[in-house]
Full PDB file with SEQRES, HELIX, SHEET, SSBOND, CRYST1, ORIGX, SCALE, CONECT and MASTER records, all heavy atoms in Angstrom:
SEQRES   1 A   35  GLY TYR GLU LEU LYS TYR THR SER GLY ARG TYR ASN CYS          
SEQRES   2 A   35  VAL ASP VAL ASN GLU CYS VAL THR ASN THR HIS ARG CYS          
SEQRES   3 A   35  ASN LEU HIS ALA GLU CYS LEU ASN THR                          
HELIX    1 AA1 GLU A   18  THR A   21  1                                   4    
SHEET    1 AA1 2 TYR A   2  THR A   7  0                                        
SHEET    2 AA1 2 ARG A  10  ASP A  15 -1                                        
SSBOND   1 CYS A   19    CYS A   32                          1555   1555  2.04  
CRYST1    1.000    1.000    1.000  90.00  90.00  90.00 P 1           1          
ORIGX1      1.000000  0.000000  0.000000        0.00000                         
ORIGX2      0.000000  1.000000  0.000000        0.00000                         
ORIGX3      0.000000  0.000000  1.000000        0.00000                         
SCALE1      1.000000  0.000000  0.000000        0.00000                         
SCALE2      0.000000  1.000000  0.000000        0.00000                         
SCALE3      0.000000  0.000000  1.000000        0.00000                         
ATOM      1  N   GLY A   1     131.968  30.660 123.741  1.00  0.00           N  
ATOM      2  CA  GLY A   1     131.750  31.631 124.798  1.00  0.00           C  
ATOM      3  C   GLY A   1     132.035  33.063 124.369  1.00  0.00           C  
ATOM      4  O   GLY A   1     131.900  34.014 125.124  1.00  0.00           O  
ATOM      5  N   TYR A   2     132.538  33.207 123.085  1.00  0.00           N  
ATOM      6  CA  TYR A   2     132.838  34.529 122.558  1.00  0.00           C  
ATOM      7  C   TYR A   2     132.042  34.695 121.207  1.00  0.00           C  
ATOM      8  O   TYR A   2     131.774  33.697 120.574  1.00  0.00           O  
ATOM      9  CB  TYR A   2     134.310  34.693 122.291  1.00  0.00           C  
ATOM     10  CG  TYR A   2     135.131  34.729 123.518  1.00  0.00           C  
ATOM     11  CD1 TYR A   2     135.595  33.553 124.151  1.00  0.00           C  
ATOM     12  CD2 TYR A   2     135.489  35.971 124.108  1.00  0.00           C  
ATOM     13  CE1 TYR A   2     136.336  33.573 125.325  1.00  0.00           C  
ATOM     14  CE2 TYR A   2     136.237  35.980 125.275  1.00  0.00           C  
ATOM     15  CZ  TYR A   2     136.658  34.810 125.893  1.00  0.00           C  
ATOM     16  OH  TYR A   2     137.402  34.832 127.019  1.00  0.00           O  
ATOM     17  N   GLU A   3     131.732  35.953 120.842  1.00  0.00           N  
ATOM     18  CA  GLU A   3     131.096  36.183 119.567  1.00  0.00           C  
ATOM     19  C   GLU A   3     131.795  37.348 118.846  1.00  0.00           C  
ATOM     20  O   GLU A   3     132.361  38.222 119.461  1.00  0.00           O  
ATOM     21  CB  GLU A   3     129.597  36.480 119.732  1.00  0.00           C  
ATOM     22  CG  GLU A   3     129.261  37.725 120.515  1.00  0.00           C  
ATOM     23  CD  GLU A   3     127.785  37.935 120.740  1.00  0.00           C  
ATOM     24  OE1 GLU A   3     126.964  37.331 120.049  1.00  0.00           O  
ATOM     25  OE2 GLU A   3     127.439  38.741 121.646  1.00  0.00           O  
ATOM     26  N   LEU A   4     131.722  37.372 117.487  1.00  0.00           N  
ATOM     27  CA  LEU A   4     132.357  38.409 116.682  1.00  0.00           C  
ATOM     28  C   LEU A   4     131.509  39.675 116.705  1.00  0.00           C  
ATOM     29  O   LEU A   4     130.307  39.626 116.351  1.00  0.00           O  
ATOM     30  CB  LEU A   4     132.538  37.890 115.276  1.00  0.00           C  
ATOM     31  CG  LEU A   4     133.513  38.680 114.366  1.00  0.00           C  
ATOM     32  CD1 LEU A   4     134.896  38.530 114.928  1.00  0.00           C  
ATOM     33  CD2 LEU A   4     133.461  38.181 112.975  1.00  0.00           C  
ATOM     34  N   LYS A   5     132.111  40.776 117.180  1.00  0.00           N  
ATOM     35  CA  LYS A   5     131.400  42.069 117.218  1.00  0.00           C  
ATOM     36  C   LYS A   5     132.326  43.090 116.682  1.00  0.00           C  
ATOM     37  O   LYS A   5     133.545  43.035 116.824  1.00  0.00           O  
ATOM     38  CB  LYS A   5     131.052  42.365 118.627  1.00  0.00           C  
ATOM     39  CG  LYS A   5     129.750  41.729 119.099  1.00  0.00           C  
ATOM     40  CD  LYS A   5     129.054  42.531 120.128  1.00  0.00           C  
ATOM     41  CE  LYS A   5     127.662  41.972 120.436  1.00  0.00           C  
ATOM     42  NZ  LYS A   5     127.356  41.944 121.817  1.00  0.00           N  
ATOM     43  N   TYR A   6     131.704  44.180 116.027  1.00  0.00           N  
ATOM     44  CA  TYR A   6     132.443  45.291 115.561  1.00  0.00           C  
ATOM     45  C   TYR A   6     132.530  46.349 116.647  1.00  0.00           C  
ATOM     46  O   TYR A   6     131.503  46.954 116.954  1.00  0.00           O  
ATOM     47  CB  TYR A   6     131.822  45.820 114.264  1.00  0.00           C  
ATOM     48  CG  TYR A   6     132.650  46.930 113.655  1.00  0.00           C  
ATOM     49  CD1 TYR A   6     133.779  46.595 112.893  1.00  0.00           C  
ATOM     50  CD2 TYR A   6     132.318  48.264 113.764  1.00  0.00           C  
ATOM     51  CE1 TYR A   6     134.540  47.607 112.285  1.00  0.00           C  
ATOM     52  CE2 TYR A   6     133.045  49.267 113.205  1.00  0.00           C  
ATOM     53  CZ  TYR A   6     134.178  48.912 112.466  1.00  0.00           C  
ATOM     54  OH  TYR A   6     134.951  49.891 111.859  1.00  0.00           O  
ATOM     55  N   THR A   7     133.687  46.476 117.284  1.00  0.00           N  
ATOM     56  CA  THR A   7     133.831  47.433 118.384  1.00  0.00           C  
ATOM     57  C   THR A   7     135.108  48.295 118.136  1.00  0.00           C  
ATOM     58  O   THR A   7     136.104  47.775 117.628  1.00  0.00           O  
ATOM     59  CB  THR A   7     133.974  46.794 119.794  1.00  0.00           C  
ATOM     60  OG1 THR A   7     135.016  45.796 119.679  1.00  0.00           O  
ATOM     61  CG2 THR A   7     132.658  46.078 120.183  1.00  0.00           C  
ATOM     62  N   SER A   8     135.045  49.498 118.521  1.00  0.00           N  
ATOM     63  CA  SER A   8     136.109  50.519 118.436  1.00  0.00           C  
ATOM     64  C   SER A   8     136.918  50.367 117.131  1.00  0.00           C  
ATOM     65  O   SER A   8     138.172  50.240 117.168  1.00  0.00           O  
ATOM     66  CB  SER A   8     137.032  50.460 119.653  1.00  0.00           C  
ATOM     67  OG  SER A   8     137.597  49.188 119.873  1.00  0.00           O  
ATOM     68  N   GLY A   9     136.189  50.367 115.984  1.00  0.00           N  
ATOM     69  CA  GLY A   9     136.813  50.380 114.682  1.00  0.00           C  
ATOM     70  C   GLY A   9     137.391  49.090 114.141  1.00  0.00           C  
ATOM     71  O   GLY A   9     138.044  49.058 113.130  1.00  0.00           O  
ATOM     72  N   ARG A  10     137.115  47.972 114.829  1.00  0.00           N  
ATOM     73  CA  ARG A  10     137.609  46.680 114.243  1.00  0.00           C  
ATOM     74  C   ARG A  10     136.776  45.531 114.797  1.00  0.00           C  
ATOM     75  O   ARG A  10     135.984  45.662 115.741  1.00  0.00           O  
ATOM     76  CB  ARG A  10     139.079  46.473 114.525  1.00  0.00           C  
ATOM     77  CG  ARG A  10     139.501  46.361 115.945  1.00  0.00           C  
ATOM     78  CD  ARG A  10     140.983  46.618 116.115  1.00  0.00           C  
ATOM     79  NE  ARG A  10     141.348  46.185 117.448  1.00  0.00           N  
ATOM     80  CZ  ARG A  10     142.174  45.170 117.710  1.00  0.00           C  
ATOM     81  NH1 ARG A  10     142.623  44.452 116.743  1.00  0.00           N  
ATOM     82  NH2 ARG A  10     142.473  44.819 118.972  1.00  0.00           N  
ATOM     83  N   TYR A  11     136.895  44.335 114.136  1.00  0.00           N  
ATOM     84  CA  TYR A  11     136.171  43.167 114.575  1.00  0.00           C  
ATOM     85  C   TYR A  11     136.948  42.469 115.682  1.00  0.00           C  
ATOM     86  O   TYR A  11     138.141  42.251 115.565  1.00  0.00           O  
ATOM     87  CB  TYR A  11     135.992  42.235 113.374  1.00  0.00           C  
ATOM     88  CG  TYR A  11     134.926  42.712 112.407  1.00  0.00           C  
ATOM     89  CD1 TYR A  11     135.249  43.554 111.368  1.00  0.00           C  
ATOM     90  CD2 TYR A  11     133.633  42.268 112.556  1.00  0.00           C  
ATOM     91  CE1 TYR A  11     134.261  44.005 110.479  1.00  0.00           C  
ATOM     92  CE2 TYR A  11     132.638  42.745 111.688  1.00  0.00           C  
ATOM     93  CZ  TYR A  11     132.943  43.568 110.649  1.00  0.00           C  
ATOM     94  OH  TYR A  11     132.018  44.029 109.792  1.00  0.00           O  
ATOM     95  N   ASN A  12     136.246  42.145 116.707  1.00  0.00           N  
ATOM     96  CA  ASN A  12     136.844  41.464 117.854  1.00  0.00           C  
ATOM     97  C   ASN A  12     135.965  40.367 118.346  1.00  0.00           C  
ATOM     98  O   ASN A  12     134.755  40.364 118.181  1.00  0.00           O  
ATOM     99  CB  ASN A  12     137.061  42.429 119.014  1.00  0.00           C  
ATOM    100  CG  ASN A  12     138.348  43.217 118.865  1.00  0.00           C  
ATOM    101  OD1 ASN A  12     139.375  42.709 118.465  1.00  0.00           O  
ATOM    102  ND2 ASN A  12     138.286  44.526 119.191  1.00  0.00           N  
ATOM    103  N   CYS A  13     136.567  39.352 118.993  1.00  0.00           N  
ATOM    104  CA  CYS A  13     135.814  38.318 119.647  1.00  0.00           C  
ATOM    105  C   CYS A  13     135.520  38.790 121.094  1.00  0.00           C  
ATOM    106  O   CYS A  13     136.478  38.930 121.860  1.00  0.00           O  
ATOM    107  CB  CYS A  13     136.568  36.989 119.689  1.00  0.00           C  
ATOM    108  SG  CYS A  13     136.695  36.259 118.026  1.00  0.00           S  
ATOM    109  N   VAL A  14     134.248  39.020 121.381  1.00  0.00           N  
ATOM    110  CA  VAL A  14     133.859  39.584 122.649  1.00  0.00           C  
ATOM    111  C   VAL A  14     133.176  38.566 123.452  1.00  0.00           C  
ATOM    112  O   VAL A  14     132.357  37.719 122.928  1.00  0.00           O  
ATOM    113  CB  VAL A  14     132.915  40.814 122.413  1.00  0.00           C  
ATOM    114  CG1 VAL A  14     132.484  41.470 123.689  1.00  0.00           C  
ATOM    115  CG2 VAL A  14     133.654  41.854 121.539  1.00  0.00           C  
ATOM    116  N   ASP A  15     133.376  38.586 124.772  1.00  0.00           N  
ATOM    117  CA  ASP A  15     132.765  37.609 125.683  1.00  0.00           C  
ATOM    118  C   ASP A  15     131.237  37.698 125.592  1.00  0.00           C  
ATOM    119  O   ASP A  15     130.683  38.784 125.587  1.00  0.00           O  
ATOM    120  CB  ASP A  15     133.221  37.858 127.138  1.00  0.00           C  
ATOM    121  CG  ASP A  15     132.479  37.074 128.132  1.00  0.00           C  
ATOM    122  OD1 ASP A  15     132.540  35.801 128.034  1.00  0.00           O  
ATOM    123  OD2 ASP A  15     131.855  37.614 129.033  1.00  0.00           O  
ATOM    124  N   VAL A  16     130.574  36.500 125.550  1.00  0.00           N  
ATOM    125  CA  VAL A  16     129.106  36.474 125.575  1.00  0.00           C  
ATOM    126  C   VAL A  16     128.696  36.419 127.055  1.00  0.00           C  
ATOM    127  O   VAL A  16     129.184  35.594 127.786  1.00  0.00           O  
ATOM    128  CB  VAL A  16     128.565  35.189 124.858  1.00  0.00           C  
ATOM    129  CG1 VAL A  16     127.091  35.069 125.010  1.00  0.00           C  
ATOM    130  CG2 VAL A  16     128.969  35.225 123.378  1.00  0.00           C  
ATOM    131  N   ASN A  17     127.854  37.338 127.460  1.00  0.00           N  
ATOM    132  CA  ASN A  17     127.340  37.290 128.849  1.00  0.00           C  
ATOM    133  C   ASN A  17     126.135  36.357 128.886  1.00  0.00           C  
ATOM    134  O   ASN A  17     125.024  36.810 128.600  1.00  0.00           O  
ATOM    135  CB  ASN A  17     126.963  38.752 129.314  1.00  0.00           C  
ATOM    136  CG  ASN A  17     126.634  38.781 130.833  1.00  0.00           C  
ATOM    137  OD1 ASN A  17     126.226  37.745 131.365  1.00  0.00           O  
ATOM    138  ND2 ASN A  17     126.818  39.941 131.429  1.00  0.00           N  
ATOM    139  N   GLU A  18     126.393  35.114 129.213  1.00  0.00           N  
ATOM    140  CA  GLU A  18     125.312  34.108 129.211  1.00  0.00           C  
ATOM    141  C   GLU A  18     124.205  34.416 130.208  1.00  0.00           C  
ATOM    142  O   GLU A  18     123.095  33.973 130.010  1.00  0.00           O  
ATOM    143  CB  GLU A  18     125.911  32.679 129.545  1.00  0.00           C  
ATOM    144  CG  GLU A  18     126.830  32.164 128.499  1.00  0.00           C  
ATOM    145  CD  GLU A  18     128.286  32.596 128.615  1.00  0.00           C  
ATOM    146  OE1 GLU A  18     128.586  33.439 129.479  1.00  0.00           O  
ATOM    147  OE2 GLU A  18     129.093  32.098 127.809  1.00  0.00           O  
ATOM    148  N   CYS A  19     124.538  35.195 131.263  1.00  0.00           N  
ATOM    149  CA  CYS A  19     123.558  35.574 132.280  1.00  0.00           C  
ATOM    150  C   CYS A  19     122.535  36.546 131.729  1.00  0.00           C  
ATOM    151  O   CYS A  19     121.333  36.500 132.005  1.00  0.00           O  
ATOM    152  CB  CYS A  19     124.244  36.151 133.504  1.00  0.00           C  
ATOM    153  SG  CYS A  19     125.542  35.094 134.187  1.00  0.00           S  
ATOM    154  N   VAL A  20     122.978  37.428 130.806  1.00  0.00           N  
ATOM    155  CA  VAL A  20     122.086  38.411 130.206  1.00  0.00           C  
ATOM    156  C   VAL A  20     121.352  37.794 129.040  1.00  0.00           C  
ATOM    157  O   VAL A  20     120.138  37.972 128.786  1.00  0.00           O  
ATOM    158  CB  VAL A  20     122.914  39.676 129.749  1.00  0.00           C  
ATOM    159  CG1 VAL A  20     122.054  40.614 128.966  1.00  0.00           C  
ATOM    160  CG2 VAL A  20     123.497  40.403 130.960  1.00  0.00           C  
ATOM    161  N   THR A  21     122.072  36.995 128.184  1.00  0.00           N  
ATOM    162  CA  THR A  21     121.421  36.392 126.979  1.00  0.00           C  
ATOM    163  C   THR A  21     120.545  35.231 127.357  1.00  0.00           C  
ATOM    164  O   THR A  21     119.880  34.641 126.532  1.00  0.00           O  
ATOM    165  CB  THR A  21     122.484  35.930 126.033  1.00  0.00           C  
ATOM    166  OG1 THR A  21     123.337  34.958 126.602  1.00  0.00           O  
ATOM    167  CG2 THR A  21     123.305  37.119 125.483  1.00  0.00           C  
ATOM    168  N   ASN A  22     120.592  34.853 128.656  1.00  0.00           N  
ATOM    169  CA  ASN A  22     119.749  33.724 129.175  1.00  0.00           C  
ATOM    170  C   ASN A  22     120.107  32.348 128.543  1.00  0.00           C  
ATOM    171  O   ASN A  22     119.255  31.530 128.344  1.00  0.00           O  
ATOM    172  CB  ASN A  22     118.291  34.008 129.040  1.00  0.00           C  
ATOM    173  CG  ASN A  22     117.491  33.744 130.291  1.00  0.00           C  
ATOM    174  OD1 ASN A  22     118.068  33.359 131.351  1.00  0.00           O  
ATOM    175  ND2 ASN A  22     116.216  33.952 130.315  1.00  0.00           N  
ATOM    176  N   THR A  23     121.388  32.181 128.215  1.00  0.00           N  
ATOM    177  CA  THR A  23     121.805  30.918 127.615  1.00  0.00           C  
ATOM    178  C   THR A  23     122.529  30.049 128.633  1.00  0.00           C  
ATOM    179  O   THR A  23     123.159  29.067 128.311  1.00  0.00           O  
ATOM    180  CB  THR A  23     122.744  31.193 126.370  1.00  0.00           C  
ATOM    181  OG1 THR A  23     123.740  32.144 126.775  1.00  0.00           O  
ATOM    182  CG2 THR A  23     121.959  31.763 125.214  1.00  0.00           C  
ATOM    183  N   HIS A  24     122.421  30.437 129.918  1.00  0.00           N  
ATOM    184  CA  HIS A  24     123.051  29.682 130.965  1.00  0.00           C  
ATOM    185  C   HIS A  24     122.116  28.501 131.339  1.00  0.00           C  
ATOM    186  O   HIS A  24     120.953  28.486 130.979  1.00  0.00           O  
ATOM    187  CB  HIS A  24     123.319  30.539 132.217  1.00  0.00           C  
ATOM    188  CG  HIS A  24     122.085  31.126 132.817  1.00  0.00           C  
ATOM    189  ND1 HIS A  24     121.285  30.428 133.661  1.00  0.00           N  
ATOM    190  CD2 HIS A  24     121.477  32.298 132.611  1.00  0.00           C  
ATOM    191  CE1 HIS A  24     120.241  31.164 134.064  1.00  0.00           C  
ATOM    192  NE2 HIS A  24     120.387  32.344 133.395  1.00  0.00           N  
ATOM    193  N   ARG A  25     122.638  27.554 132.116  1.00  0.00           N  
ATOM    194  CA  ARG A  25     121.838  26.397 132.526  1.00  0.00           C  
ATOM    195  C   ARG A  25     121.744  26.314 134.091  1.00  0.00           C  
ATOM    196  O   ARG A  25     121.719  25.295 134.629  1.00  0.00           O  
ATOM    197  CB  ARG A  25     122.451  25.061 131.976  1.00  0.00           C  
ATOM    198  CG  ARG A  25     122.566  25.020 130.502  1.00  0.00           C  
ATOM    199  CD  ARG A  25     123.214  23.755 130.008  1.00  0.00           C  
ATOM    200  NE  ARG A  25     124.479  23.430 130.626  1.00  0.00           N  
ATOM    201  CZ  ARG A  25     125.623  24.033 130.278  1.00  0.00           C  
ATOM    202  NH1 ARG A  25     125.661  24.929 129.352  1.00  0.00           N  
ATOM    203  NH2 ARG A  25     126.740  23.700 130.923  1.00  0.00           N  
ATOM    204  N   CYS A  26     121.763  27.496 134.662  1.00  0.00           N  
ATOM    205  CA  CYS A  26     121.724  27.588 136.149  1.00  0.00           C  
ATOM    206  C   CYS A  26     120.327  27.172 136.654  1.00  0.00           C  
ATOM    207  O   CYS A  26     119.332  27.382 135.964  1.00  0.00           O  
ATOM    208  CB  CYS A  26     122.027  28.958 136.689  1.00  0.00           C  
ATOM    209  SG  CYS A  26     123.712  29.476 136.316  1.00  0.00           S  
ATOM    210  N   ASN A  27     120.302  26.580 137.861  1.00  0.00           N  
ATOM    211  CA  ASN A  27     119.079  26.186 138.485  1.00  0.00           C  
ATOM    212  C   ASN A  27     118.236  27.395 138.791  1.00  0.00           C  
ATOM    213  O   ASN A  27     118.753  28.501 138.934  1.00  0.00           O  
ATOM    214  CB  ASN A  27     119.440  25.440 139.815  1.00  0.00           C  
ATOM    215  CG  ASN A  27     118.231  24.806 140.451  1.00  0.00           C  
ATOM    216  OD1 ASN A  27     117.482  25.449 141.162  1.00  0.00           O  
ATOM    217  ND2 ASN A  27     118.099  23.509 140.203  1.00  0.00           N  
ATOM    218  N   LEU A  28     116.927  27.169 138.891  1.00  0.00           N  
ATOM    219  CA  LEU A  28     116.007  28.258 139.222  1.00  0.00           C  
ATOM    220  C   LEU A  28     116.350  28.929 140.542  1.00  0.00           C  
ATOM    221  O   LEU A  28     116.103  30.151 140.713  1.00  0.00           O  
ATOM    222  CB  LEU A  28     114.581  27.616 139.299  1.00  0.00           C  
ATOM    223  CG  LEU A  28     113.384  28.541 139.348  1.00  0.00           C  
ATOM    224  CD1 LEU A  28     113.263  29.283 138.009  1.00  0.00           C  
ATOM    225  CD2 LEU A  28     112.102  27.773 139.590  1.00  0.00           C  
ATOM    226  N   HIS A  29     116.917  28.191 141.484  1.00  0.00           N  
ATOM    227  CA  HIS A  29     117.338  28.703 142.783  1.00  0.00           C  
ATOM    228  C   HIS A  29     118.794  29.026 142.843  1.00  0.00           C  
ATOM    229  O   HIS A  29     119.458  28.871 143.912  1.00  0.00           O  
ATOM    230  CB  HIS A  29     116.930  27.746 143.898  1.00  0.00           C  
ATOM    231  CG  HIS A  29     115.473  27.375 143.893  1.00  0.00           C  
ATOM    232  ND1 HIS A  29     114.486  28.261 144.181  1.00  0.00           N  
ATOM    233  CD2 HIS A  29     114.850  26.214 143.520  1.00  0.00           C  
ATOM    234  CE1 HIS A  29     113.302  27.703 144.062  1.00  0.00           C  
ATOM    235  NE2 HIS A  29     113.472  26.421 143.626  1.00  0.00           N  
ATOM    236  N   ALA A  30     119.393  29.427 141.745  1.00  0.00           N  
ATOM    237  CA  ALA A  30     120.783  29.771 141.679  1.00  0.00           C  
ATOM    238  C   ALA A  30     121.027  31.095 140.980  1.00  0.00           C  
ATOM    239  O   ALA A  30     120.157  31.533 140.221  1.00  0.00           O  
ATOM    240  CB  ALA A  30     121.576  28.679 140.973  1.00  0.00           C  
ATOM    241  N   GLU A  31     122.182  31.719 141.303  1.00  0.00           N  
ATOM    242  CA  GLU A  31     122.502  32.961 140.685  1.00  0.00           C  
ATOM    243  C   GLU A  31     123.515  32.707 139.555  1.00  0.00           C  
ATOM    244  O   GLU A  31     124.396  31.798 139.696  1.00  0.00           O  
ATOM    245  CB  GLU A  31     123.221  33.888 141.653  1.00  0.00           C  
ATOM    246  CG  GLU A  31     122.285  34.676 142.586  1.00  0.00           C  
ATOM    247  CD  GLU A  31     123.063  35.461 143.624  1.00  0.00           C  
ATOM    248  OE1 GLU A  31     123.891  36.318 143.177  1.00  0.00           O  
ATOM    249  OE2 GLU A  31     122.882  35.201 144.808  1.00  0.00           O  
ATOM    250  N   CYS A  32     123.423  33.400 138.461  1.00  0.00           N  
ATOM    251  CA  CYS A  32     124.381  33.232 137.326  1.00  0.00           C  
ATOM    252  C   CYS A  32     125.427  34.307 137.441  1.00  0.00           C  
ATOM    253  O   CYS A  32     125.119  35.468 137.625  1.00  0.00           O  
ATOM    254  CB  CYS A  32     123.561  33.386 136.029  1.00  0.00           C  
ATOM    255  SG  CYS A  32     124.665  33.292 134.577  1.00  0.00           S  
ATOM    256  N   LEU A  33     126.716  33.877 137.317  1.00  0.00           N  
ATOM    257  CA  LEU A  33     127.829  34.816 137.361  1.00  0.00           C  
ATOM    258  C   LEU A  33     128.589  34.688 136.066  1.00  0.00           C  
ATOM    259  O   LEU A  33     129.073  33.603 135.722  1.00  0.00           O  
ATOM    260  CB  LEU A  33     128.781  34.518 138.554  1.00  0.00           C  
ATOM    261  CG  LEU A  33     128.093  34.410 139.946  1.00  0.00           C  
ATOM    262  CD1 LEU A  33     128.976  33.638 140.878  1.00  0.00           C  
ATOM    263  CD2 LEU A  33     127.798  35.766 140.472  1.00  0.00           C  
ATOM    264  N   ASN A  34     128.683  35.806 135.331  1.00  0.00           N  
ATOM    265  CA  ASN A  34     129.419  35.774 134.022  1.00  0.00           C  
ATOM    266  C   ASN A  34     130.923  35.696 134.259  1.00  0.00           C  
ATOM    267  O   ASN A  34     131.465  36.356 135.179  1.00  0.00           O  
ATOM    268  CB  ASN A  34     129.026  36.998 133.200  1.00  0.00           C  
ATOM    269  CG  ASN A  34     129.642  36.903 131.767  1.00  0.00           C  
ATOM    270  OD1 ASN A  34     129.544  35.918 131.119  1.00  0.00           O  
ATOM    271  ND2 ASN A  34     130.324  37.950 131.383  1.00  0.00           N  
ATOM    272  N   THR A  35     131.638  34.937 133.443  1.00  0.00           N  
ATOM    273  CA  THR A  35     133.074  34.880 133.495  1.00  0.00           C  
ATOM    274  C   THR A  35     133.559  35.022 132.041  1.00  0.00           C  
ATOM    275  O   THR A  35     132.761  34.907 131.106  1.00  0.00           O  
ATOM    276  CB  THR A  35     133.605  33.545 134.054  1.00  0.00           C  
ATOM    277  OG1 THR A  35     133.129  32.481 133.177  1.00  0.00           O  
ATOM    278  CG2 THR A  35     133.159  33.290 135.466  1.00  0.00           C  
TER     279      THR A  35                                                      
CONECT  153  255                                                                
CONECT  255  153                                                                
MASTER        0    0    0    1    2    0    0    6  278    1    2    3          
END                                                                             
C-alpha cells in the first residue's frame, strides 16, 4: 500500500492512493475512499 518516492530531498515510502491509480476493487456502484 506504499511506494518508494523521492520527496523533499530523500527517499520515503509514500501512501499509494488506490482510488486515483484505479487499483481498488470497489463495486461500480460504490465510492472509493483512500486510507
